[in-house]
Amino acid sequence: SIAAMSNLPQEFRNLLAEKFELNALRLKKVQGSADTTRKFLSELHDHQ
């Protein structure tokens, strides 16, 4: 989150939040294989 950038002035953080966003992918599912391969299914901002 932009709010967590604590060494930036609050006014500048507000400006960043107004102009930009910071969105992590949302983990939806993980599958683990017997050989330790792991597949991650993530959801994007538009639910794709």
All heavy atoms as atom14 arrays in JSON, in Angstrom:
{
  "sequence": "SIAAMSNLPQEFRNLLAEKFELNALRLKKVQGSADTTRKFLSELHDHQ",
  "atom14_mask": [
    [1, 1, 1, 1, 1, 1, 0, 0, 0, 0, 0, 0, 0, 0],
    [1, 1, 1, 1, 1, 1, 1, 1, 0, 0, 0, 0, 0, 0],
    [1, 1, 1, 1, 1, 0, 0, 0, 0, 0, 0, 0, 0, 0],
    [1, 1, 1, 1, 1, 0, 0, 0, 0, 0, 0, 0, 0, 0],
    [1, 1, 1, 1, 1, 1, 1, 1, 0, 0, 0, 0, 0, 0],
    [1, 1, 1, 1, 1, 1, 0, 0, 0, 0, 0, 0, 0, 0],
    [1, 1, 1, 1, 1, 1, 1, 1, 0, 0, 0, 0, 0, 0],
    [1, 1, 1, 1, 1, 1, 1, 1, 0, 0, 0, 0, 0, 0],
    [1, 1, 1, 1, 1, 1, 1, 0, 0, 0, 0, 0, 0, 0],
    [1, 1, 1, 1, 1, 1, 1, 1, 1, 0, 0, 0, 0, 0],
    [1, 1, 1, 1, 1, 1, 1, 1, 1, 0, 0, 0, 0, 0],
    [1, 1, 1, 1, 1, 1, 1, 1, 1, 1, 1, 0, 0, 0],
    [1, 1, 1, 1, 1, 1, 1, 1, 1, 1, 1, 0, 0, 0],
    [1, 1, 1, 1, 1, 1, 1, 1, 0, 0, 0, 0, 0, 0],
    [1, 1, 1, 1, 1, 1, 1, 1, 0, 0, 0, 0, 0, 0],
    [1, 1, 1, 1, 1, 1, 1, 1, 0, 0, 0, 0, 0, 0],
    [1, 1, 1, 1, 1, 0, 0, 0, 0, 0, 0, 0, 0, 0],
    [1, 1, 1, 1, 1, 1, 1, 1, 1, 0, 0, 0, 0, 0],
    [1, 1, 1, 1, 1, 1, 1, 1, 1, 0, 0, 0, 0, 0],
    [1, 1, 1, 1, 1, 1, 1, 1, 1, 1, 1, 0, 0, 0],
    [1, 1, 1, 1, 1, 1, 1, 1, 1, 0, 0, 0, 0, 0],
    [1, 1, 1, 1, 1, 1, 1, 1, 0, 0, 0, 0, 0, 0],
    [1, 1, 1, 1, 1, 1, 1, 1, 0, 0, 0, 0, 0, 0],
    [1, 1, 1, 1, 1, 0, 0, 0, 0, 0, 0, 0, 0, 0],
    [1, 1, 1, 1, 1, 1, 1, 1, 0, 0, 0, 0, 0, 0],
    [1, 1, 1, 1, 1, 1, 1, 1, 1, 1, 1, 0, 0, 0],
    [1, 1, 1, 1, 1, 1, 1, 1, 0, 0, 0, 0, 0, 0],
    [1, 1, 1, 1, 1, 1, 1, 1, 1, 0, 0, 0, 0, 0],
    [1, 1, 1, 1, 1, 1, 1, 1, 1, 0, 0, 0, 0, 0],
    [1, 1, 1, 1, 1, 1, 1, 0, 0, 0, 0, 0, 0, 0],
    [1, 1, 1, 1, 1, 1, 1, 1, 1, 0, 0, 0, 0, 0],
    [1, 1, 1, 1, 0, 0, 0, 0, 0, 0, 0, 0, 0, 0],
    [1, 1, 1, 1, 1, 1, 0, 0, 0, 0, 0, 0, 0, 0],
    [1, 1, 1, 1, 1, 0, 0, 0, 0, 0, 0, 0, 0, 0],
    [1, 1, 1, 1, 1, 1, 1, 1, 0, 0, 0, 0, 0, 0],
    [1, 1, 1, 1, 1, 1, 1, 0, 0, 0, 0, 0, 0, 0],
    [1, 1, 1, 1, 1, 1, 1, 0, 0, 0, 0, 0, 0, 0],
    [1, 1, 1, 1, 1, 1, 1, 1, 1, 1, 1, 0, 0, 0],
    [1, 1, 1, 1, 1, 1, 1, 1, 1, 0, 0, 0, 0, 0],
    [1, 1, 1, 1, 1, 1, 1, 1, 1, 1, 1, 0, 0, 0],
    [1, 1, 1, 1, 1, 1, 1, 1, 0, 0, 0, 0, 0, 0],
    [1, 1, 1, 1, 1, 1, 0, 0, 0, 0, 0, 0, 0, 0],
    [1, 1, 1, 1, 1, 1, 1, 1, 1, 0, 0, 0, 0, 0],
    [1, 1, 1, 1, 1, 1, 1, 1, 0, 0, 0, 0, 0, 0],
    [1, 1, 1, 1, 1, 1, 1, 1, 1, 1, 0, 0, 0, 0],
    [1, 1, 1, 1, 1, 1, 1, 1, 0, 0, 0, 0, 0, 0],
    [1, 1, 1, 1, 1, 1, 1, 1, 1, 1, 0, 0, 0, 0],
    [1, 1, 1, 1, 1, 1, 1, 1, 1, 0, 0, 0, 0, 0]
  ],
  "atom14_positions": [
    [[0.85, -1.19, 0.0], [0.0, 0.0, 0.0], [0.88, 1.24, 0.0], [2.0, 1.23, 0.54], [-0.92, 0.02, 1.22], [-0.2, 0.33, 2.4], [0.0, 0.0, 0.0], [0.0, 0.0, 0.0], [0.0, 0.0, 0.0], [0.0, 0.0, 0.0], [0.0, 0.0, 0.0], [0.0, 0.0, 0.0], [0.0, 0.0, 0.0], [0.0, 0.0, 0.0]],
    [[0.38, 2.29, -0.61], [1.1, 3.57, -0.62], [1.14, 4.15, 0.79], [2.13, 4.77, 1.19], [0.42, 4.54, -1.61], [0.61, 4.02, -3.05], [1.0, 5.95, -1.49], [-0.19, 4.74, -4.11], [0.0, 0.0, 0.0], [0.0, 0.0, 0.0], [0.0, 0.0, 0.0], [0.0, 0.0, 0.0], [0.0, 0.0, 0.0], [0.0, 0.0, 0.0]],
    [[0.09, 3.93, 1.55], [0.02, 4.45, 2.92], [1.17, 3.94, 3.78], [1.59, 4.6, 4.75], [-1.32, 4.09, 3.55], [0.0, 0.0, 0.0], [0.0, 0.0, 0.0], [0.0, 0.0, 0.0], [0.0, 0.0, 0.0], [0.0, 0.0, 0.0], [0.0, 0.0, 0.0], [0.0, 0.0, 0.0], [0.0, 0.0, 0.0], [0.0, 0.0, 0.0]],
    [[1.7, 2.75, 3.46], [2.77, 2.14, 4.27], [4.14, 2.78, 4.02], [5.09, 2.48, 4.75], [2.84, 0.64, 4.0], [0.0, 0.0, 0.0], [0.0, 0.0, 0.0], [0.0, 0.0, 0.0], [0.0, 0.0, 0.0], [0.0, 0.0, 0.0], [0.0, 0.0, 0.0], [0.0, 0.0, 0.0], [0.0, 0.0, 0.0], [0.0, 0.0, 0.0]],
    [[4.25, 3.67, 3.04], [5.54, 4.28, 2.7], [5.82, 5.42, 3.68], [5.74, 6.61, 3.34], [5.53, 4.76, 1.25], [5.3, 3.62, 0.26], [5.27, 4.21, -1.47], [5.03, 2.66, -2.34], [0.0, 0.0, 0.0], [0.0, 0.0, 0.0], [0.0, 0.0, 0.0], [0.0, 0.0, 0.0], [0.0, 0.0, 0.0], [0.0, 0.0, 0.0]],
    [[6.18, 5.07, 4.9], [6.14, 5.99, 6.03], [7.18, 7.11, 5.99], [7.02, 8.11, 6.69], [6.28, 5.2, 7.33], [7.45, 4.43, 7.33], [0.0, 0.0, 0.0], [0.0, 0.0, 0.0], [0.0, 0.0, 0.0], [0.0, 0.0, 0.0], [0.0, 0.0, 0.0], [0.0, 0.0, 0.0], [0.0, 0.0, 0.0], [0.0, 0.0, 0.0]],
    [[8.26, 6.96, 5.21], [9.24, 8.04, 5.17], [8.94, 9.08, 4.09], [9.73, 10.0, 3.86], [10.67, 7.5, 5.02], [10.88, 6.77, 3.7], [9.92, 6.49, 2.98], [12.13, 6.44, 3.4], [0.0, 0.0, 0.0], [0.0, 0.0, 0.0], [0.0, 0.0, 0.0], [0.0, 0.0, 0.0], [0.0, 0.0, 0.0], [0.0, 0.0, 0.0]],
    [[7.8, 8.93, 3.41], [7.35, 9.94, 2.46], [6.41, 10.91, 3.19], [5.6, 10.48, 4.02], [6.61, 9.31, 1.28], [7.37, 8.29, 0.44], [6.48, 7.79, -0.7], [8.67, 8.85, -0.11], [0.0, 0.0, 0.0], [0.0, 0.0, 0.0], [0.0, 0.0, 0.0], [0.0, 0.0, 0.0], [0.0, 0.0, 0.0], [0.0, 0.0, 0.0]],
    [[6.48, 12.2, 2.87], [5.55, 13.14, 3.49], [4.1, 12.74, 3.22], [3.78, 12.25, 2.14], [5.9, 14.48, 2.81], [7.29, 14.3, 2.31], [7.43, 12.86, 1.96], [0.0, 0.0, 0.0], [0.0, 0.0, 0.0], [0.0, 0.0, 0.0], [0.0, 0.0, 0.0], [0.0, 0.0, 0.0], [0.0, 0.0, 0.0], [0.0, 0.0, 0.0]],
    [[3.25, 12.95, 4.2], [1.85, 12.55, 4.05], [1.19, 13.19, 2.84], [0.42, 12.54, 2.11], [1.07, 12.92, 5.32], [-0.38, 12.45, 5.32], [-0.5, 10.94, 5.26], [0.05, 10.24, 6.11], [-1.18, 10.42, 4.26], [0.0, 0.0, 0.0], [0.0, 0.0, 0.0], [0.0, 0.0, 0.0], [0.0, 0.0, 0.0], [0.0, 0.0, 0.0]],
    [[1.5, 14.44, 2.6], [0.92, 15.14, 1.45], [1.33, 14.46, 0.14], [0.51, 14.33, -0.79], [1.35, 16.6, 1.46], [0.68, 17.45, 0.38], [1.09, 18.91, 0.45], [1.78, 19.31, 1.42], [0.72, 19.66, -0.47], [0.0, 0.0, 0.0], [0.0, 0.0, 0.0], [0.0, 0.0, 0.0], [0.0, 0.0, 0.0], [0.0, 0.0, 0.0]],
    [[2.58, 14.03, 0.08], [3.06, 13.36, -1.14], [2.43, 11.98, -1.29], [2.09, 11.55, -2.38], [4.59, 13.27, -1.11], [5.19, 12.72, -2.38], [4.84, 13.24, -3.62], [6.1, 11.66, -2.34], [5.4, 12.74, -4.79], [6.65, 11.15, -3.5], [6.3, 11.69, -4.73], [0.0, 0.0, 0.0], [0.0, 0.0, 0.0], [0.0, 0.0, 0.0]],
    [[2.26, 11.27, -0.16], [1.57, 9.97, -0.21], [0.14, 10.14, -0.71], [-0.36, 9.33, -1.5], [1.58, 9.3, 1.17], [2.85, 8.51, 1.46], [2.78, 7.85, 2.81], [3.16, 8.76, 3.88], [2.99, 8.53, 5.18], [2.4, 7.4, 5.57], [3.38, 9.39, 6.08], [0.0, 0.0, 0.0], [0.0, 0.0, 0.0], [0.0, 0.0, 0.0]],
    [[-0.51, 11.19, -0.26], [-1.88, 11.45, -0.72], [-1.9, 11.7, -2.23], [-2.8, 11.23, -2.94], [-2.46, 12.65, 0.02], [-2.69, 12.39, 1.49], [-2.74, 11.22, 1.92], [-2.84, 13.44, 2.28], [0.0, 0.0, 0.0], [0.0, 0.0, 0.0], [0.0, 0.0, 0.0], [0.0, 0.0, 0.0], [0.0, 0.0, 0.0], [0.0, 0.0, 0.0]],
    [[-0.91, 12.44, -2.71], [-0.82, 12.72, -4.14], [-0.56, 11.44, -4.93], [-1.19, 11.2, -5.98], [0.3, 13.73, -4.4], [0.55, 14.11, -5.87], [-0.68, 14.81, -6.46], [1.79, 14.98, -6.0], [0.0, 0.0, 0.0], [0.0, 0.0, 0.0], [0.0, 0.0, 0.0], [0.0, 0.0, 0.0], [0.0, 0.0, 0.0], [0.0, 0.0, 0.0]],
    [[0.34, 10.59, -4.43], [0.61, 9.3, -5.1], [-0.67, 8.46, -5.17], [-0.97, 7.86, -6.22], [1.69, 8.53, -4.35], [3.14, 8.99, -4.5], [4.04, 8.19, -3.57], [3.61, 8.86, -5.95], [0.0, 0.0, 0.0], [0.0, 0.0, 0.0], [0.0, 0.0, 0.0], [0.0, 0.0, 0.0], [0.0, 0.0, 0.0], [0.0, 0.0, 0.0]],
    [[-1.41, 8.42, -4.08], [-2.65, 7.63, -4.04], [-3.7, 8.2, -4.99], [-4.53, 7.46, -5.52], [-3.18, 7.59, -2.62], [0.0, 0.0, 0.0], [0.0, 0.0, 0.0], [0.0, 0.0, 0.0], [0.0, 0.0, 0.0], [0.0, 0.0, 0.0], [0.0, 0.0, 0.0], [0.0, 0.0, 0.0], [0.0, 0.0, 0.0], [0.0, 0.0, 0.0]],
    [[-3.65, 9.5, -5.21], [-4.59, 10.13, -6.14], [-4.25, 9.8, -7.59], [-5.14, 9.56, -8.41], [-4.56, 11.65, -5.93], [-5.48, 12.43, -6.85], [-5.3, 13.93, -6.69], [-4.96, 14.39, -5.58], [-5.47, 14.65, -7.71], [0.0, 0.0, 0.0], [0.0, 0.0, 0.0], [0.0, 0.0, 0.0], [0.0, 0.0, 0.0], [0.0, 0.0, 0.0]],
    [[-2.95, 9.75, -7.88], [-2.5, 9.56, -9.26], [-2.3, 8.09, -9.64], [-2.47, 7.72, -10.8], [-1.18, 10.31, -9.48], [-1.23, 11.8, -9.25], [-2.01, 12.51, -10.34], [-1.93, 14.03, -10.16], [-2.74, 14.73, -11.19], [0.0, 0.0, 0.0], [0.0, 0.0, 0.0], [0.0, 0.0, 0.0], [0.0, 0.0, 0.0], [0.0, 0.0, 0.0]],
    [[-1.92, 7.28, -8.67], [-1.53, 5.9, -8.94], [-2.25, 4.96, -7.98], [-2.98, 5.38, -7.08], [-0.02, 5.71, -8.8], [0.79, 6.65, -9.63], [1.42, 7.76, -9.06], [0.93, 6.45, -11.0], [2.16, 8.63, -9.84], [1.67, 7.31, -11.79], [2.28, 8.4, -11.2], [0.0, 0.0, 0.0], [0.0, 0.0, 0.0], [0.0, 0.0, 0.0]],
    [[-2.01, 3.66, -8.17], [-2.49, 2.66, -7.22], [-1.39, 1.65, -6.97], [-0.36, 1.64, -7.66], [-3.75, 1.98, -7.75], [-3.56, 1.19, -9.02], [-4.87, 0.58, -9.51], [-5.92, 0.87, -8.94], [-4.82, -0.19, -10.49], [0.0, 0.0, 0.0], [0.0, 0.0, 0.0], [0.0, 0.0, 0.0], [0.0, 0.0, 0.0], [0.0, 0.0, 0.0]],
    [[-1.59, 0.81, -6.0], [-0.64, -0.25, -5.68], [-1.44, -1.46, -5.24], [-1.94, -1.53, -4.12], [0.32, 0.2, -4.56], [1.46, -0.76, -4.23], [2.33, -1.02, -5.46], [2.31, -0.2, -3.1], [0.0, 0.0, 0.0], [0.0, 0.0, 0.0], [0.0, 0.0, 0.0], [0.0, 0.0, 0.0], [0.0, 0.0, 0.0], [0.0, 0.0, 0.0]],
    [[-1.61, -2.38, -6.17], [-2.45, -3.55, -5.91], [-1.64, -4.82, -6.07], [-1.1, -5.08, -7.16], [-3.64, -3.59, -6.88], [-4.68, -2.54, -6.57], [-4.93, -2.24, -5.4], [-5.28, -1.96, -7.59], [0.0, 0.0, 0.0], [0.0, 0.0, 0.0], [0.0, 0.0, 0.0], [0.0, 0.0, 0.0], [0.0, 0.0, 0.0], [0.0, 0.0, 0.0]],
    [[-1.55, -5.59, -5.03], [-0.93, -6.91, -5.14], [-1.92, -7.87, -5.77], [-3.14, -7.71, -5.64], [-0.52, -7.41, -3.76], [0.0, 0.0, 0.0], [0.0, 0.0, 0.0], [0.0, 0.0, 0.0], [0.0, 0.0, 0.0], [0.0, 0.0, 0.0], [0.0, 0.0, 0.0], [0.0, 0.0, 0.0], [0.0, 0.0, 0.0], [0.0, 0.0, 0.0]],
    [[-1.41, -8.86, -6.49], [-2.28, -9.92, -7.01], [-2.89, -10.66, -5.83], [-2.24, -10.85, -4.8], [-1.48, -10.9, -7.87], [-1.27, -10.53, -9.35], [-0.47, -9.24, -9.52], [-0.58, -11.67, -10.09], [0.0, 0.0, 0.0], [0.0, 0.0, 0.0], [0.0, 0.0, 0.0], [0.0, 0.0, 0.0], [0.0, 0.0, 0.0], [0.0, 0.0, 0.0]],
    [[-4.13, -11.08, -6.0], [-4.8, -11.81, -4.92], [-4.7, -13.3, -5.19], [-5.18, -13.79, -6.21], [-6.27, -11.39, -4.84], [-6.99, -11.99, -3.62], [-8.4, -11.45, -3.49], [-9.3, -12.08, -4.44], [-9.92, -13.24, -4.24], [-9.7, -13.93, -3.12], [-10.76, -13.73, -5.13], [0.0, 0.0, 0.0], [0.0, 0.0, 0.0], [0.0, 0.0, 0.0]],
    [[-4.05, -14.01, -4.28], [-3.9, -15.45, -4.45], [-5.26, -16.13, -4.28], [-5.93, -15.95, -3.27], [-2.91, -16.0, -3.42], [-2.61, -17.49, -3.52], [-1.94, -17.83, -4.85], [-1.71, -17.93, -2.36], [0.0, 0.0, 0.0], [0.0, 0.0, 0.0], [0.0, 0.0, 0.0], [0.0, 0.0, 0.0], [0.0, 0.0, 0.0], [0.0, 0.0, 0.0]],
    [[-5.63, -16.91, -5.27], [-6.93, -17.59, -5.25], [-6.8, -19.07, -4.92], [-7.62, -19.63, -4.22], [-7.62, -17.4, -6.6], [-9.1, -17.78, -6.6], [-9.77, -17.35, -7.9], [-11.24, -17.73, -7.92], [-12.04, -16.94, -6.99], [0.0, 0.0, 0.0], [0.0, 0.0, 0.0], [0.0, 0.0, 0.0], [0.0, 0.0, 0.0], [0.0, 0.0, 0.0]],
    [[-5.74, -19.69, -5.43], [-5.58, -21.13, -5.21], [-4.13, -21.53, -5.44], [-3.44, -20.95, -6.29], [-6.49, -21.91, -6.17], [-6.5, -23.41, -5.98], [-7.55, -24.08, -6.88], [-8.95, -23.76, -6.42], [-9.96, -24.55, -7.2], [0.0, 0.0, 0.0], [0.0, 0.0, 0.0], [0.0, 0.0, 0.0], [0.0, 0.0, 0.0], [0.0, 0.0, 0.0]],
    [[-3.67, -22.53, -4.72], [-2.35, -23.11, -4.93], [-2.51, -24.62, -5.06], [-3.24, -25.24, -4.28], [-1.38, -22.82, -3.76], [-0.01, -23.43, -4.03], [-1.24, -21.33, -3.53], [0.0, 0.0, 0.0], [0.0, 0.0, 0.0], [0.0, 0.0, 0.0], [0.0, 0.0, 0.0], [0.0, 0.0, 0.0], [0.0, 0.0, 0.0], [0.0, 0.0, 0.0]],
    [[-1.84, -25.19, -6.06], [-1.79, -26.64, -6.18], [-0.34, -27.08, -6.01], [0.57, -26.5, -6.6], [-2.3, -27.11, -7.55], [-3.81, -27.15, -7.65], [-4.27, -27.81, -8.94], [-3.51, -27.93, -9.9], [-5.51, -28.24, -8.97], [0.0, 0.0, 0.0], [0.0, 0.0, 0.0], [0.0, 0.0, 0.0], [0.0, 0.0, 0.0], [0.0, 0.0, 0.0]],
    [[-0.14, -28.12, -5.19], [1.19, -28.65, -4.98], [1.32, -30.03, -5.6], [0.41, -30.86, -5.51], [0.0, 0.0, 0.0], [0.0, 0.0, 0.0], [0.0, 0.0, 0.0], [0.0, 0.0, 0.0], [0.0, 0.0, 0.0], [0.0, 0.0, 0.0], [0.0, 0.0, 0.0], [0.0, 0.0, 0.0], [0.0, 0.0, 0.0], [0.0, 0.0, 0.0]],
    [[2.44, -30.26, -6.26], [2.69, -31.54, -6.93], [3.56, -32.43, -6.07], [4.28, -31.98, -5.17], [3.39, -31.27, -8.27], [3.89, -32.46, -8.83], [0.0, 0.0, 0.0], [0.0, 0.0, 0.0], [0.0, 0.0, 0.0], [0.0, 0.0, 0.0], [0.0, 0.0, 0.0], [0.0, 0.0, 0.0], [0.0, 0.0, 0.0], [0.0, 0.0, 0.0]],
    [[3.51, -33.73, -6.37], [4.37, -34.69, -5.66], [5.84, -34.39, -5.86], [6.67, -34.72, -5.01], [4.04, -36.11, -6.13], [0.0, 0.0, 0.0], [0.0, 0.0, 0.0], [0.0, 0.0, 0.0], [0.0, 0.0, 0.0], [0.0, 0.0, 0.0], [0.0, 0.0, 0.0], [0.0, 0.0, 0.0], [0.0, 0.0, 0.0], [0.0, 0.0, 0.0]],
    [[6.19, -33.75, -7.0], [7.6, -33.44, -7.24], [7.95, -32.04, -6.73], [9.02, -31.51, -7.04], [7.96, -33.57, -8.73], [7.21, -32.59, -9.63], [6.64, -31.61, -9.1], [7.2, -32.79, -10.85], [0.0, 0.0, 0.0], [0.0, 0.0, 0.0], [0.0, 0.0, 0.0], [0.0, 0.0, 0.0], [0.0, 0.0, 0.0], [0.0, 0.0, 0.0]],
    [[7.08, -31.43, -5.95], [7.2, -30.12, -5.31], [7.02, -28.96, -6.27], [7.22, -27.81, -5.89], [8.53, -29.93, -4.52], [9.62, -29.85, -5.43], [8.74, -31.06, -3.53], [0.0, 0.0, 0.0], [0.0, 0.0, 0.0], [0.0, 0.0, 0.0], [0.0, 0.0, 0.0], [0.0, 0.0, 0.0], [0.0, 0.0, 0.0], [0.0, 0.0, 0.0]],
    [[6.63, -29.2, -7.51], [6.16, -28.12, -8.36], [4.93, -27.5, -7.72], [4.09, -28.21, -7.16], [5.79, -28.65, -9.76], [6.96, -29.17, -10.39], [5.2, -27.56, -10.64], [0.0, 0.0, 0.0], [0.0, 0.0, 0.0], [0.0, 0.0, 0.0], [0.0, 0.0, 0.0], [0.0, 0.0, 0.0], [0.0, 0.0, 0.0], [0.0, 0.0, 0.0]],
    [[4.81, -26.18, -7.79], [3.64, -25.52, -7.23], [3.05, -24.57, -8.28], [3.79, -23.83, -8.92], [3.99, -24.74, -5.96], [4.46, -25.64, -4.83], [4.91, -24.84, -3.63], [3.79, -24.23, -2.93], [3.93, -23.35, -1.94], [5.13, -22.99, -1.54], [2.87, -22.84, -1.35], [0.0, 0.0, 0.0], [0.0, 0.0, 0.0], [0.0, 0.0, 0.0]],
    [[1.74, -24.62, -8.43], [1.05, -23.74, -9.36], [0.19, -22.77, -8.57], [-0.56, -23.17, -7.68], [0.19, -24.54, -10.35], [-0.67, -23.65, -11.24], [-1.37, -24.43, -12.34], [-0.48, -24.59, -13.54], [-1.23, -25.02, -14.73], [0.0, 0.0, 0.0], [0.0, 0.0, 0.0], [0.0, 0.0, 0.0], [0.0, 0.0, 0.0], [0.0, 0.0, 0.0]],
    [[0.3, -21.48, -8.92], [-0.41, -20.42, -8.23], [-1.44, -19.81, -9.18], [-1.1, -19.41, -10.3], [0.56, -19.33, -7.78], [1.62, -19.81, -6.84], [2.75, -20.48, -7.33], [1.51, -19.62, -5.48], [3.74, -20.94, -6.47], [2.49, -20.06, -4.61], [3.6, -20.73, -5.1], [0.0, 0.0, 0.0], [0.0, 0.0, 0.0], [0.0, 0.0, 0.0]],
    [[-2.68, -19.76, -8.75], [-3.74, -19.11, -9.51], [-4.06, -17.79, -8.81], [-4.44, -17.78, -7.64], [-4.99, -19.99, -9.57], [-6.13, -19.46, -10.44], [-5.76, -19.52, -11.92], [-7.41, -20.27, -10.2], [0.0, 0.0, 0.0], [0.0, 0.0, 0.0], [0.0, 0.0, 0.0], [0.0, 0.0, 0.0], [0.0, 0.0, 0.0], [0.0, 0.0, 0.0]],
    [[-3.9, -16.68, -9.54], [-4.09, -15.36, -8.96], [-5.23, -14.63, -9.65], [-5.47, -14.81, -10.84], [-2.81, -14.53, -9.1], [-1.71, -15.21, -8.55], [0.0, 0.0, 0.0], [0.0, 0.0, 0.0], [0.0, 0.0, 0.0], [0.0, 0.0, 0.0], [0.0, 0.0, 0.0], [0.0, 0.0, 0.0], [0.0, 0.0, 0.0], [0.0, 0.0, 0.0]],
    [[-5.88, -13.77, -8.87], [-6.96, -12.95, -9.42], [-6.48, -11.52, -9.59], [-5.84, -10.95, -8.69], [-8.18, -12.99, -8.48], [-9.39, -12.28, -9.04], [-10.62, -12.45, -8.17], [-10.46, -12.46, -6.92], [-11.73, -12.59, -8.72], [0.0, 0.0, 0.0], [0.0, 0.0, 0.0], [0.0, 0.0, 0.0], [0.0, 0.0, 0.0], [0.0, 0.0, 0.0]],
    [[-6.78, -10.94, -10.75], [-6.38, -9.58, -11.05], [-7.47, -8.59, -10.64], [-8.55, -8.99, -10.19], [-6.07, -9.45, -12.54], [-5.08, -10.49, -13.09], [-4.9, -10.34, -14.58], [-3.74, -10.41, -12.36], [0.0, 0.0, 0.0], [0.0, 0.0, 0.0], [0.0, 0.0, 0.0], [0.0, 0.0, 0.0], [0.0, 0.0, 0.0], [0.0, 0.0, 0.0]],
    [[-7.21, -7.31, -10.83], [-8.16, -6.28, -10.36], [-9.53, -6.4, -11.01], [-10.54, -6.03, -10.42], [-7.58, -4.89, -10.64], [-7.7, -4.46, -12.07], [-6.87, -4.95, -13.07], [-8.58, -3.64, -12.68], [-7.22, -4.41, -14.22], [-8.25, -3.62, -14.02], [0.0, 0.0, 0.0], [0.0, 0.0, 0.0], [0.0, 0.0, 0.0], [0.0, 0.0, 0.0]],
    [[-9.59, -6.95, -12.24], [-10.86, -7.07, -12.96], [-11.42, -8.5, -12.88], [-12.26, -8.88, -13.68], [-10.69, -6.66, -14.42], [-9.58, -7.43, -15.14], [-8.92, -8.27, -14.49], [-9.38, -7.21, -16.34], [0.0, 0.0, 0.0], [0.0, 0.0, 0.0], [0.0, 0.0, 0.0], [0.0, 0.0, 0.0], [0.0, 0.0, 0.0], [0.0, 0.0, 0.0]],
    [[-10.92, -9.26, -11.91], [-11.38, -10.62, -11.62], [-10.94, -11.66, -12.66], [-11.38, -12.81, -12.6], [-12.91, -10.67, -11.45], [-13.43, -9.66, -10.47], [-13.07, -9.68, -9.14], [-14.25, -8.59, -10.64], [-13.65, -8.66, -8.51], [-14.37, -7.98, -9.39], [0.0, 0.0, 0.0], [0.0, 0.0, 0.0], [0.0, 0.0, 0.0], [0.0, 0.0, 0.0]],
    [[-10.09, -11.26, -13.59], [-9.51, -12.25, -14.5], [-8.51, -13.1, -13.71], [-7.97, -12.66, -12.69], [-8.8, -11.56, -15.67], [-9.71, -10.74, -16.56], [-10.65, -11.59, -17.39], [-10.47, -12.8, -17.51], [-11.67, -10.97, -17.98], [0.0, 0.0, 0.0], [0.0, 0.0, 0.0], [0.0, 0.0, 0.0], [0.0, 0.0, 0.0], [0.0, 0.0, 0.0]]
  ]
}
